[in-house]
Amino acid sequence: MMIVGLTGGIGSGKSTVAKMFEKLGVPVYDSDHEAKVLMVTSPKIKQGLTQLFGEDAYVEGDLNRKYIASKVFRDKELLQQLNGIVHPVVREHFLQWAAQQSTLYVIQETALIFENNAQDKYDSTILVTAPEEVRTKRIMARDGMDKEAILDRMKNQMQDADKIPLAHFCIENVDLKTTKRKVKQLHAKLLALATKF
């Protein structure tokens, strides 16, 4: 089975692209969603985050997201430590999930493949891109965040120009109709590649 990593900066629309692959019958593992679940259910993560952020990391067994977000988004080192606790557990969970699938290839949708230098963990990588202006508008509409907060988050991610040479495939996601067509074409390519695994 071939393992494909799907990534893209905040607001690029990687989740939209992931859903298009799902409609074509490809199992997709949503790392962001699963990480949120595991941050509450995994004893290993809970212990690590409590050691890193103190007792305020959890309130009545629930993750204190606002408190943690306020700590990490202006502190790259702390963010790396957080990722160092969460990512290995998510990766292990993903591999267990992948082993239960019976398709030619599976997709792991995850935000920071290239930032974490994790591209070697995948047989193929797909980068979803969109111009910064388009991404900013999408996030403002979706999350109601202000522009400064969005640009803060973008600063924590690599620029698309630096990621494009590292990815096997790129999909620019501006117009949904065009994106859908590109996904179908890429799906055919990936199926052909996956037969070699």
N, C-alpha and C. Protein backbone atom coordinates (compact mmCIF):
# COMPACT_ATOMS: atom_id res chain seq x y z
N MET A 1 0.83 -1.19 0.00
CA MET A 1 0.00 0.00 0.00
C MET A 1 0.88 1.26 0.00
N MET A 2 0.48 2.22 -0.82
CA MET A 2 1.25 3.46 -0.91
C MET A 2 0.69 4.48 0.09
N ILE A 3 1.61 5.18 0.77
CA ILE A 3 1.21 6.19 1.75
C ILE A 3 1.51 7.57 1.18
N VAL A 4 0.44 8.37 1.07
CA VAL A 4 0.54 9.70 0.47
C VAL A 4 0.30 10.76 1.55
N GLY A 5 1.17 11.75 1.60
CA GLY A 5 0.98 12.87 2.53
C GLY A 5 0.36 14.04 1.79
N LEU A 6 -0.70 14.59 2.36
CA LEU A 6 -1.38 15.75 1.76
C LEU A 6 -1.20 16.92 2.71
N THR A 7 -0.63 18.01 2.21
CA THR A 7 -0.35 19.15 3.08
C THR A 7 -0.63 20.46 2.37
N GLY A 8 -0.55 21.53 3.13
CA GLY A 8 -0.79 22.86 2.58
C GLY A 8 -0.89 23.84 3.73
N GLY A 9 -0.53 25.07 3.48
CA GLY A 9 -0.58 26.09 4.53
C GLY A 9 -2.01 26.37 4.96
N ILE A 10 -2.14 27.06 6.08
CA ILE A 10 -3.45 27.42 6.61
C ILE A 10 -4.24 28.21 5.55
N GLY A 11 -5.48 27.77 5.31
CA GLY A 11 -6.34 28.46 4.34
C GLY A 11 -6.12 28.05 2.89
N SER A 12 -5.21 27.09 2.65
CA SER A 12 -4.95 26.66 1.26
C SER A 12 -6.10 25.80 0.72
N GLY A 13 -6.85 25.19 1.64
CA GLY A 13 -7.97 24.34 1.23
C GLY A 13 -7.59 22.87 1.15
N LYS A 14 -6.60 22.46 1.96
CA LYS A 14 -6.20 21.04 1.90
C LYS A 14 -7.32 20.11 2.33
N SER A 15 -8.18 20.57 3.26
CA SER A 15 -9.32 19.73 3.70
C SER A 15 -10.34 19.58 2.57
N THR A 16 -10.51 20.63 1.80
CA THR A 16 -11.41 20.57 0.63
C THR A 16 -10.89 19.54 -0.37
N VAL A 17 -9.59 19.58 -0.62
CA VAL A 17 -8.96 18.63 -1.54
C VAL A 17 -9.06 17.21 -0.97
N ALA A 18 -8.86 17.07 0.34
CA ALA A 18 -8.96 15.75 0.99
C ALA A 18 -10.35 15.16 0.78
N LYS A 19 -11.38 15.99 0.92
CA LYS A 19 -12.76 15.52 0.73
C LYS A 19 -13.00 15.06 -0.71
N MET A 20 -12.35 15.72 -1.66
CA MET A 20 -12.47 15.33 -3.07
C MET A 20 -11.87 13.94 -3.29
N PHE A 21 -10.75 13.67 -2.64
CA PHE A 21 -10.13 12.34 -2.73
C PHE A 21 -11.03 11.29 -2.07
N GLU A 22 -11.63 11.66 -0.94
CA GLU A 22 -12.55 10.74 -0.24
C GLU A 22 -13.72 10.36 -1.14
N LYS A 23 -14.23 11.33 -1.88
CA LYS A 23 -15.36 11.06 -2.79
C LYS A 23 -14.96 10.10 -3.90
N LEU A 24 -13.65 10.03 -4.18
CA LEU A 24 -13.15 9.09 -5.20
C LEU A 24 -12.82 7.73 -4.57
N GLY A 25 -13.13 7.59 -3.28
CA GLY A 25 -12.95 6.29 -2.62
C GLY A 25 -11.62 6.09 -1.92
N VAL A 26 -10.88 7.18 -1.75
CA VAL A 26 -9.58 7.07 -1.09
C VAL A 26 -9.74 7.33 0.41
N PRO A 27 -9.29 6.41 1.28
CA PRO A 27 -9.37 6.67 2.72
C PRO A 27 -8.42 7.82 3.10
N VAL A 28 -8.95 8.78 3.85
CA VAL A 28 -8.15 9.94 4.27
C VAL A 28 -8.12 10.02 5.80
N TYR A 29 -6.93 10.13 6.34
CA TYR A 29 -6.74 10.28 7.79
C TYR A 29 -6.52 11.75 8.08
N ASP A 30 -7.42 12.36 8.82
CA ASP A 30 -7.34 13.78 9.14
C ASP A 30 -6.51 13.96 10.41
N SER A 31 -5.23 14.26 10.26
CA SER A 31 -4.31 14.33 11.40
C SER A 31 -4.72 15.39 12.42
N ASP A 32 -5.23 16.51 11.93
CA ASP A 32 -5.61 17.60 12.82
C ASP A 32 -6.75 17.16 13.75
N HIS A 33 -7.76 16.53 13.14
CA HIS A 33 -8.90 16.04 13.93
C HIS A 33 -8.46 14.96 14.92
N GLU A 34 -7.67 14.00 14.40
CA GLU A 34 -7.24 12.88 15.26
C GLU A 34 -6.32 13.38 16.39
N ALA A 35 -5.50 14.39 16.09
CA ALA A 35 -4.62 14.94 17.13
C ALA A 35 -5.45 15.55 18.25
N LYS A 36 -6.52 16.26 17.87
CA LYS A 36 -7.40 16.86 18.89
C LYS A 36 -8.03 15.80 19.78
N VAL A 37 -8.41 14.68 19.18
CA VAL A 37 -8.98 13.57 19.96
C VAL A 37 -7.91 12.97 20.87
N LEU A 38 -6.74 12.70 20.29
CA LEU A 38 -5.66 12.06 21.05
C LEU A 38 -5.13 12.95 22.18
N MET A 39 -5.20 14.27 22.00
CA MET A 39 -4.72 15.18 23.04
C MET A 39 -5.58 15.09 24.31
N VAL A 40 -6.77 14.53 24.15
CA VAL A 40 -7.67 14.36 25.29
C VAL A 40 -7.68 12.90 25.77
N THR A 41 -7.41 11.96 24.84
CA THR A 41 -7.56 10.54 25.18
C THR A 41 -6.24 9.80 25.42
N SER A 42 -5.13 10.32 24.91
CA SER A 42 -3.86 9.60 25.04
C SER A 42 -3.15 9.97 26.35
N PRO A 43 -2.95 8.99 27.24
CA PRO A 43 -2.24 9.28 28.51
C PRO A 43 -0.82 9.83 28.26
N LYS A 44 -0.19 9.33 27.20
CA LYS A 44 1.18 9.76 26.87
C LYS A 44 1.22 11.26 26.54
N ILE A 45 0.25 11.70 25.71
CA ILE A 45 0.19 13.13 25.34
C ILE A 45 -0.19 13.98 26.55
N LYS A 46 -1.19 13.51 27.30
CA LYS A 46 -1.65 14.30 28.46
C LYS A 46 -0.52 14.53 29.46
N GLN A 47 0.25 13.49 29.69
CA GLN A 47 1.37 13.60 30.62
C GLN A 47 2.41 14.60 30.08
N GLY A 48 2.73 14.47 28.79
CA GLY A 48 3.72 15.36 28.16
C GLY A 48 3.30 16.82 28.18
N LEU A 49 2.02 17.08 27.86
CA LEU A 49 1.55 18.46 27.81
C LEU A 49 1.45 19.07 29.21
N THR A 50 1.10 18.25 30.19
CA THR A 50 1.02 18.75 31.57
C THR A 50 2.42 19.10 32.07
N GLN A 51 3.41 18.29 31.68
CA GLN A 51 4.80 18.59 32.06
C GLN A 51 5.28 19.88 31.38
N LEU A 52 4.86 20.07 30.13
CA LEU A 52 5.33 21.22 29.35
C LEU A 52 4.63 22.53 29.76
N PHE A 53 3.32 22.46 29.95
CA PHE A 53 2.55 23.69 30.19
C PHE A 53 2.04 23.85 31.63
N GLY A 54 2.23 22.83 32.46
CA GLY A 54 1.74 22.90 33.84
C GLY A 54 0.31 22.41 33.94
N GLU A 55 -0.23 22.48 35.15
CA GLU A 55 -1.57 21.95 35.43
C GLU A 55 -2.68 22.65 34.64
N ASP A 56 -2.41 23.89 34.18
CA ASP A 56 -3.43 24.65 33.43
C ASP A 56 -3.66 24.09 32.02
N ALA A 57 -2.84 23.13 31.61
CA ALA A 57 -2.98 22.55 30.26
C ALA A 57 -4.33 21.86 30.08
N TYR A 58 -4.88 21.35 31.18
CA TYR A 58 -6.19 20.67 31.12
C TYR A 58 -7.12 21.25 32.18
N VAL A 59 -8.38 21.43 31.80
CA VAL A 59 -9.39 21.89 32.75
C VAL A 59 -10.48 20.82 32.79
N GLU A 60 -10.63 20.19 33.94
CA GLU A 60 -11.60 19.09 34.12
C GLU A 60 -11.47 18.03 33.04
N GLY A 61 -10.21 17.65 32.75
CA GLY A 61 -9.94 16.59 31.78
C GLY A 61 -9.96 17.02 30.32
N ASP A 62 -10.40 18.27 30.06
CA ASP A 62 -10.44 18.79 28.69
C ASP A 62 -9.21 19.68 28.44
N LEU A 63 -8.72 19.62 27.21
CA LEU A 63 -7.57 20.42 26.84
C LEU A 63 -7.93 21.90 26.89
N ASN A 64 -7.07 22.69 27.53
CA ASN A 64 -7.27 24.14 27.62
C ASN A 64 -6.65 24.78 26.37
N ARG A 65 -7.39 24.71 25.26
CA ARG A 65 -6.85 25.12 23.95
C ARG A 65 -6.42 26.58 23.91
N LYS A 66 -7.26 27.46 24.45
CA LYS A 66 -6.95 28.90 24.40
C LYS A 66 -5.65 29.19 25.14
N TYR A 67 -5.49 28.58 26.29
CA TYR A 67 -4.29 28.78 27.11
C TYR A 67 -3.05 28.31 26.34
N ILE A 68 -3.13 27.12 25.74
CA ILE A 68 -1.98 26.56 25.01
C ILE A 68 -1.69 27.37 23.75
N ALA A 69 -2.75 27.74 23.03
CA ALA A 69 -2.58 28.55 21.81
C ALA A 69 -1.89 29.88 22.13
N SER A 70 -2.28 30.51 23.24
CA SER A 70 -1.68 31.79 23.61
C SER A 70 -0.19 31.64 23.92
N LYS A 71 0.19 30.45 24.38
CA LYS A 71 1.60 30.20 24.73
C LYS A 71 2.46 29.92 23.48
N VAL A 72 1.91 29.13 22.54
CA VAL A 72 2.78 28.62 21.46
C VAL A 72 2.85 29.48 20.21
N PHE A 73 1.83 30.28 19.92
CA PHE A 73 1.84 30.90 18.60
C PHE A 73 2.84 32.04 18.44
N ARG A 74 3.43 32.49 19.55
CA ARG A 74 4.50 33.48 19.42
C ARG A 74 5.84 32.92 19.92
N ASP A 75 5.85 31.62 20.17
CA ASP A 75 7.06 30.98 20.70
C ASP A 75 7.35 29.70 19.91
N LYS A 76 8.22 29.84 18.92
CA LYS A 76 8.50 28.71 18.00
C LYS A 76 9.06 27.50 18.73
N GLU A 77 9.90 27.75 19.72
CA GLU A 77 10.54 26.64 20.45
C GLU A 77 9.50 25.81 21.21
N LEU A 78 8.58 26.53 21.84
CA LEU A 78 7.51 25.87 22.60
C LEU A 78 6.59 25.08 21.65
N LEU A 79 6.34 25.69 20.49
CA LEU A 79 5.51 25.01 19.48
C LEU A 79 6.18 23.71 19.02
N GLN A 80 7.49 23.76 18.83
CA GLN A 80 8.23 22.56 18.42
C GLN A 80 8.16 21.47 19.50
N GLN A 81 8.23 21.90 20.76
CA GLN A 81 8.14 20.93 21.86
C GLN A 81 6.75 20.30 21.91
N LEU A 82 5.73 21.13 21.68
CA LEU A 82 4.34 20.63 21.63
C LEU A 82 4.21 19.59 20.52
N ASN A 83 4.71 19.95 19.32
CA ASN A 83 4.65 19.02 18.19
C ASN A 83 5.43 17.74 18.47
N GLY A 84 6.54 17.87 19.19
CA GLY A 84 7.37 16.72 19.54
C GLY A 84 6.65 15.72 20.45
N ILE A 85 5.69 16.22 21.20
CA ILE A 85 4.89 15.35 22.08
C ILE A 85 3.74 14.71 21.30
N VAL A 86 3.07 15.53 20.49
CA VAL A 86 1.83 15.08 19.82
C VAL A 86 2.10 14.25 18.56
N HIS A 87 3.02 14.72 17.72
CA HIS A 87 3.20 14.09 16.40
C HIS A 87 3.56 12.60 16.42
N PRO A 88 4.49 12.15 17.29
CA PRO A 88 4.82 10.71 17.27
C PRO A 88 3.61 9.82 17.61
N VAL A 89 2.76 10.29 18.52
CA VAL A 89 1.58 9.51 18.90
C VAL A 89 0.58 9.47 17.75
N VAL A 90 0.43 10.61 17.06
CA VAL A 90 -0.48 10.67 15.90
C VAL A 90 0.04 9.77 14.79
N ARG A 91 1.35 9.79 14.56
CA ARG A 91 1.96 8.96 13.52
C ARG A 91 1.71 7.47 13.78
N GLU A 92 1.89 7.06 15.01
CA GLU A 92 1.66 5.67 15.41
C GLU A 92 0.19 5.28 15.17
N HIS A 93 -0.71 6.18 15.54
CA HIS A 93 -2.15 5.96 15.37
C HIS A 93 -2.50 5.87 13.88
N PHE A 94 -1.87 6.75 13.08
CA PHE A 94 -2.10 6.74 11.62
C PHE A 94 -1.66 5.41 11.01
N LEU A 95 -0.50 4.91 11.40
CA LEU A 95 0.02 3.66 10.83
C LEU A 95 -0.88 2.47 11.18
N GLN A 96 -1.42 2.48 12.39
CA GLN A 96 -2.37 1.43 12.79
C GLN A 96 -3.64 1.52 11.93
N TRP A 97 -4.11 2.74 11.71
CA TRP A 97 -5.30 2.98 10.87
C TRP A 97 -5.03 2.53 9.43
N ALA A 98 -3.87 2.92 8.89
CA ALA A 98 -3.51 2.60 7.49
C ALA A 98 -3.48 1.09 7.27
N ALA A 99 -2.98 0.37 8.27
CA ALA A 99 -2.87 -1.09 8.16
C ALA A 99 -4.22 -1.77 8.05
N GLN A 100 -5.28 -1.08 8.45
CA GLN A 100 -6.64 -1.65 8.39
C GLN A 100 -7.36 -1.34 7.07
N GLN A 101 -6.74 -0.50 6.22
CA GLN A 101 -7.38 -0.13 4.95
C GLN A 101 -7.02 -1.14 3.87
N SER A 102 -7.89 -1.25 2.85
CA SER A 102 -7.62 -2.26 1.82
C SER A 102 -7.56 -1.65 0.41
N THR A 103 -7.21 -0.35 0.35
CA THR A 103 -7.12 0.34 -0.95
C THR A 103 -5.66 0.35 -1.43
N LEU A 104 -5.46 0.75 -2.68
CA LEU A 104 -4.10 0.81 -3.23
C LEU A 104 -3.26 1.88 -2.55
N TYR A 105 -3.92 2.96 -2.16
CA TYR A 105 -3.19 3.99 -1.42
C TYR A 105 -4.10 4.70 -0.43
N VAL A 106 -3.48 5.27 0.61
CA VAL A 106 -4.21 6.06 1.61
C VAL A 106 -3.55 7.44 1.69
N ILE A 107 -4.31 8.39 2.22
CA ILE A 107 -3.79 9.76 2.36
C ILE A 107 -3.78 10.15 3.84
N GLN A 108 -2.68 10.72 4.26
CA GLN A 108 -2.64 11.36 5.58
C GLN A 108 -2.64 12.87 5.34
N GLU A 109 -3.72 13.50 5.76
CA GLU A 109 -3.82 14.96 5.65
C GLU A 109 -3.17 15.56 6.89
N THR A 110 -2.11 16.33 6.68
CA THR A 110 -1.37 16.87 7.82
C THR A 110 -0.71 18.20 7.45
N ALA A 111 -0.66 19.12 8.41
CA ALA A 111 -0.26 20.49 8.09
C ALA A 111 1.24 20.70 7.88
N LEU A 112 2.08 19.98 8.59
CA LEU A 112 3.49 20.40 8.67
C LEU A 112 4.49 19.35 8.17
N ILE A 113 4.23 18.77 7.01
CA ILE A 113 5.15 17.73 6.50
C ILE A 113 6.54 18.31 6.26
N PHE A 114 6.61 19.41 5.53
CA PHE A 114 7.92 19.96 5.15
C PHE A 114 8.55 20.75 6.29
N GLU A 115 7.72 21.43 7.09
CA GLU A 115 8.23 22.16 8.25
C GLU A 115 8.94 21.20 9.21
N ASN A 116 8.40 19.99 9.33
CA ASN A 116 8.98 18.99 10.25
C ASN A 116 9.96 18.06 9.55
N ASN A 117 10.26 18.37 8.28
CA ASN A 117 11.19 17.55 7.50
C ASN A 117 10.76 16.08 7.51
N ALA A 118 9.44 15.87 7.36
CA ALA A 118 8.88 14.51 7.48
C ALA A 118 8.52 13.90 6.13
N GLN A 119 8.96 14.51 5.03
CA GLN A 119 8.56 14.01 3.71
C GLN A 119 9.04 12.59 3.43
N ASP A 120 10.10 12.16 4.12
CA ASP A 120 10.62 10.81 3.91
C ASP A 120 9.69 9.73 4.46
N LYS A 121 8.71 10.14 5.26
CA LYS A 121 7.76 9.17 5.83
C LYS A 121 6.67 8.80 4.82
N TYR A 122 6.68 9.44 3.65
CA TYR A 122 5.63 9.23 2.64
C TYR A 122 6.22 8.75 1.33
N ASP A 123 5.44 7.93 0.64
CA ASP A 123 5.86 7.47 -0.70
C ASP A 123 5.65 8.58 -1.72
N SER A 124 4.67 9.45 -1.45
CA SER A 124 4.35 10.55 -2.33
C SER A 124 3.79 11.70 -1.50
N THR A 125 4.03 12.94 -1.93
CA THR A 125 3.47 14.09 -1.20
C THR A 125 2.71 15.00 -2.17
N ILE A 126 1.60 15.54 -1.67
CA ILE A 126 0.79 16.50 -2.44
C ILE A 126 0.76 17.80 -1.65
N LEU A 127 1.11 18.89 -2.31
CA LEU A 127 1.05 20.20 -1.68
C LEU A 127 -0.11 20.99 -2.29
N VAL A 128 -1.00 21.48 -1.43
CA VAL A 128 -2.10 22.33 -1.88
C VAL A 128 -1.68 23.78 -1.64
N THR A 129 -1.78 24.59 -2.68
CA THR A 129 -1.38 25.99 -2.56
C THR A 129 -2.53 26.92 -2.95
N ALA A 130 -2.41 28.17 -2.52
CA ALA A 130 -3.33 29.24 -2.93
C ALA A 130 -2.62 30.55 -2.61
N PRO A 131 -2.88 31.61 -3.37
CA PRO A 131 -2.23 32.90 -3.06
C PRO A 131 -2.57 33.35 -1.63
N GLU A 132 -1.62 34.04 -1.00
CA GLU A 132 -1.78 34.46 0.40
C GLU A 132 -3.07 35.26 0.63
N GLU A 133 -3.39 36.12 -0.31
CA GLU A 133 -4.59 36.96 -0.21
C GLU A 133 -5.86 36.10 -0.16
N VAL A 134 -5.90 35.07 -1.01
CA VAL A 134 -7.04 34.15 -1.06
C VAL A 134 -7.13 33.39 0.26
N ARG A 135 -5.98 32.92 0.74
CA ARG A 135 -5.95 32.16 1.99
C ARG A 135 -6.43 33.01 3.17
N THR A 136 -5.96 34.25 3.23
CA THR A 136 -6.34 35.15 4.32
C THR A 136 -7.84 35.38 4.34
N LYS A 137 -8.41 35.65 3.16
CA LYS A 137 -9.87 35.87 3.06
C LYS A 137 -10.65 34.64 3.51
N ARG A 138 -10.19 33.48 3.11
CA ARG A 138 -10.86 32.22 3.50
C ARG A 138 -10.88 32.05 5.02
N ILE A 139 -9.73 32.29 5.65
CA ILE A 139 -9.63 32.08 7.10
C ILE A 139 -10.49 33.10 7.85
N MET A 140 -10.47 34.34 7.37
CA MET A 140 -11.29 35.38 8.01
C MET A 140 -12.76 35.00 7.95
N ALA A 141 -13.18 34.49 6.79
CA ALA A 141 -14.58 34.08 6.62
C ALA A 141 -14.92 32.85 7.45
N ARG A 142 -13.97 31.90 7.51
CA ARG A 142 -14.22 30.62 8.18
C ARG A 142 -14.14 30.72 9.70
N ASP A 143 -13.08 31.40 10.19
CA ASP A 143 -12.81 31.39 11.63
C ASP A 143 -13.07 32.72 12.32
N GLY A 144 -13.35 33.76 11.53
CA GLY A 144 -13.56 35.08 12.11
C GLY A 144 -12.30 35.66 12.75
N MET A 145 -11.14 35.15 12.33
CA MET A 145 -9.87 35.66 12.89
C MET A 145 -9.50 36.98 12.24
N ASP A 146 -8.75 37.82 12.99
CA ASP A 146 -8.31 39.06 12.35
C ASP A 146 -7.03 38.80 11.56
N LYS A 147 -6.74 39.73 10.66
CA LYS A 147 -5.64 39.55 9.71
C LYS A 147 -4.30 39.33 10.41
N GLU A 148 -4.06 40.07 11.48
CA GLU A 148 -2.78 39.97 12.20
C GLU A 148 -2.56 38.57 12.77
N ALA A 149 -3.61 38.01 13.35
CA ALA A 149 -3.52 36.66 13.93
C ALA A 149 -3.26 35.62 12.84
N ILE A 150 -3.88 35.82 11.69
CA ILE A 150 -3.69 34.90 10.56
C ILE A 150 -2.24 34.96 10.07
N LEU A 151 -1.73 36.19 9.90
CA LEU A 151 -0.36 36.36 9.42
C LEU A 151 0.65 35.79 10.43
N ASP A 152 0.31 35.87 11.72
CA ASP A 152 1.13 35.27 12.78
C ASP A 152 1.26 33.76 12.56
N ARG A 153 0.12 33.14 12.28
CA ARG A 153 0.12 31.69 12.04
C ARG A 153 0.89 31.33 10.79
N MET A 154 0.70 32.14 9.74
CA MET A 154 1.40 31.88 8.48
C MET A 154 2.91 31.94 8.65
N LYS A 155 3.35 32.82 9.55
CA LYS A 155 4.79 32.96 9.81
C LYS A 155 5.39 31.68 10.39
N ASN A 156 4.55 30.90 11.07
CA ASN A 156 5.02 29.63 11.66
C ASN A 156 5.12 28.52 10.62
N GLN A 157 4.64 28.79 9.41
CA GLN A 157 4.68 27.78 8.34
C GLN A 157 5.63 28.25 7.24
N MET A 158 6.22 27.29 6.55
CA MET A 158 7.10 27.62 5.44
C MET A 158 6.31 28.28 4.31
N GLN A 159 6.99 29.07 3.52
CA GLN A 159 6.35 29.69 2.35
C GLN A 159 6.14 28.61 1.27
N ASP A 160 5.06 28.76 0.49
CA ASP A 160 4.79 27.81 -0.59
C ASP A 160 5.98 27.68 -1.54
N ALA A 161 6.63 28.80 -1.83
CA ALA A 161 7.76 28.79 -2.77
C ALA A 161 8.88 27.85 -2.31
N ASP A 162 9.02 27.71 -0.98
CA ASP A 162 10.05 26.80 -0.44
C ASP A 162 9.57 25.34 -0.41
N LYS A 163 8.24 25.17 -0.37
CA LYS A 163 7.70 23.80 -0.27
C LYS A 163 7.51 23.14 -1.65
N ILE A 164 7.21 23.96 -2.66
CA ILE A 164 6.90 23.42 -4.00
C ILE A 164 8.01 22.48 -4.51
N PRO A 165 9.30 22.87 -4.41
CA PRO A 165 10.35 21.95 -4.91
C PRO A 165 10.44 20.63 -4.13
N LEU A 166 9.91 20.61 -2.91
CA LEU A 166 10.00 19.41 -2.08
C LEU A 166 8.85 18.42 -2.31
N ALA A 167 7.75 18.92 -2.88
CA ALA A 167 6.55 18.08 -3.06
C ALA A 167 6.61 17.31 -4.37
N HIS A 168 6.02 16.11 -4.38
CA HIS A 168 5.92 15.34 -5.63
C HIS A 168 4.88 15.94 -6.57
N PHE A 169 3.76 16.40 -5.97
CA PHE A 169 2.66 16.97 -6.76
C PHE A 169 2.15 18.24 -6.10
N CYS A 170 1.71 19.21 -6.92
CA CYS A 170 1.13 20.44 -6.40
C CYS A 170 -0.24 20.67 -7.01
N ILE A 171 -1.17 21.13 -6.19
CA ILE A 171 -2.50 21.50 -6.69
C ILE A 171 -2.76 22.93 -6.23
N GLU A 172 -2.89 23.85 -7.18
CA GLU A 172 -3.28 25.21 -6.80
C GLU A 172 -4.79 25.23 -6.68
N ASN A 173 -5.26 25.60 -5.49
CA ASN A 173 -6.69 25.53 -5.19
C ASN A 173 -7.29 26.93 -5.09
N VAL A 174 -7.70 27.45 -6.26
CA VAL A 174 -8.36 28.75 -6.27
C VAL A 174 -9.80 28.57 -6.74
N ASP A 175 -9.94 27.89 -7.88
CA ASP A 175 -11.26 27.64 -8.45
C ASP A 175 -11.63 26.17 -8.23
N LEU A 176 -12.75 25.94 -7.56
CA LEU A 176 -13.12 24.57 -7.16
C LEU A 176 -13.27 23.60 -8.34
N LYS A 177 -13.83 24.09 -9.42
CA LYS A 177 -14.04 23.24 -10.60
C LYS A 177 -12.69 22.73 -11.14
N THR A 178 -11.75 23.64 -11.24
CA THR A 178 -10.41 23.29 -11.72
C THR A 178 -9.73 22.34 -10.74
N THR A 179 -9.89 22.62 -9.44
CA THR A 179 -9.27 21.77 -8.41
C THR A 179 -9.81 20.35 -8.52
N LYS A 180 -11.13 20.23 -8.69
CA LYS A 180 -11.76 18.91 -8.80
C LYS A 180 -11.18 18.12 -9.98
N ARG A 181 -10.98 18.82 -11.08
CA ARG A 181 -10.42 18.17 -12.28
C ARG A 181 -8.97 17.71 -12.00
N LYS A 182 -8.20 18.58 -11.34
CA LYS A 182 -6.80 18.24 -11.01
C LYS A 182 -6.73 17.04 -10.07
N VAL A 183 -7.66 16.98 -9.12
CA VAL A 183 -7.69 15.87 -8.16
C VAL A 183 -7.97 14.55 -8.89
N LYS A 184 -8.92 14.58 -9.83
CA LYS A 184 -9.24 13.37 -10.60
C LYS A 184 -8.04 12.89 -11.40
N GLN A 185 -7.34 13.84 -12.03
CA GLN A 185 -6.15 13.49 -12.82
C GLN A 185 -5.05 12.90 -11.93
N LEU A 186 -4.88 13.53 -10.76
CA LEU A 186 -3.85 13.07 -9.83
C LEU A 186 -4.20 11.70 -9.25
N HIS A 187 -5.47 11.48 -8.99
CA HIS A 187 -5.94 10.18 -8.48
C HIS A 187 -5.55 9.06 -9.45
N ALA A 188 -5.74 9.30 -10.74
CA ALA A 188 -5.38 8.29 -11.76
C ALA A 188 -3.87 8.03 -11.73
N LYS A 189 -3.08 9.10 -11.59
CA LYS A 189 -1.61 8.96 -11.53
C LYS A 189 -1.20 8.16 -10.29
N LEU A 190 -1.82 8.48 -9.17
CA LEU A 190 -1.47 7.81 -7.91
C LEU A 190 -1.85 6.33 -7.93
N LEU A 191 -3.00 6.03 -8.54
CA LEU A 191 -3.40 4.61 -8.66
C LEU A 191 -2.36 3.83 -9.47
N ALA A 192 -1.88 4.45 -10.56
CA ALA A 192 -0.87 3.81 -11.40
C ALA A 192 0.43 3.61 -10.61
N LEU A 193 0.82 4.63 -9.84
CA LEU A 193 2.03 4.52 -9.02
C LEU A 193 1.88 3.46 -7.94
N ALA A 194 0.69 3.40 -7.34
CA ALA A 194 0.45 2.51 -6.21
C ALA A 194 0.51 1.03 -6.60
N THR A 195 0.29 0.73 -7.86
CA THR A 195 0.35 -0.69 -8.28
C THR A 195 1.77 -1.25 -8.14
N LYS A 196 2.76 -0.35 -8.03
CA LYS A 196 4.16 -0.80 -7.89
C LYS A 196 4.51 -1.12 -6.45
N PHE A 197 3.57 -0.85 -5.51
CA PHE A 197 3.88 -1.09 -4.09
C PHE A 197 3.39 -2.45 -3.63
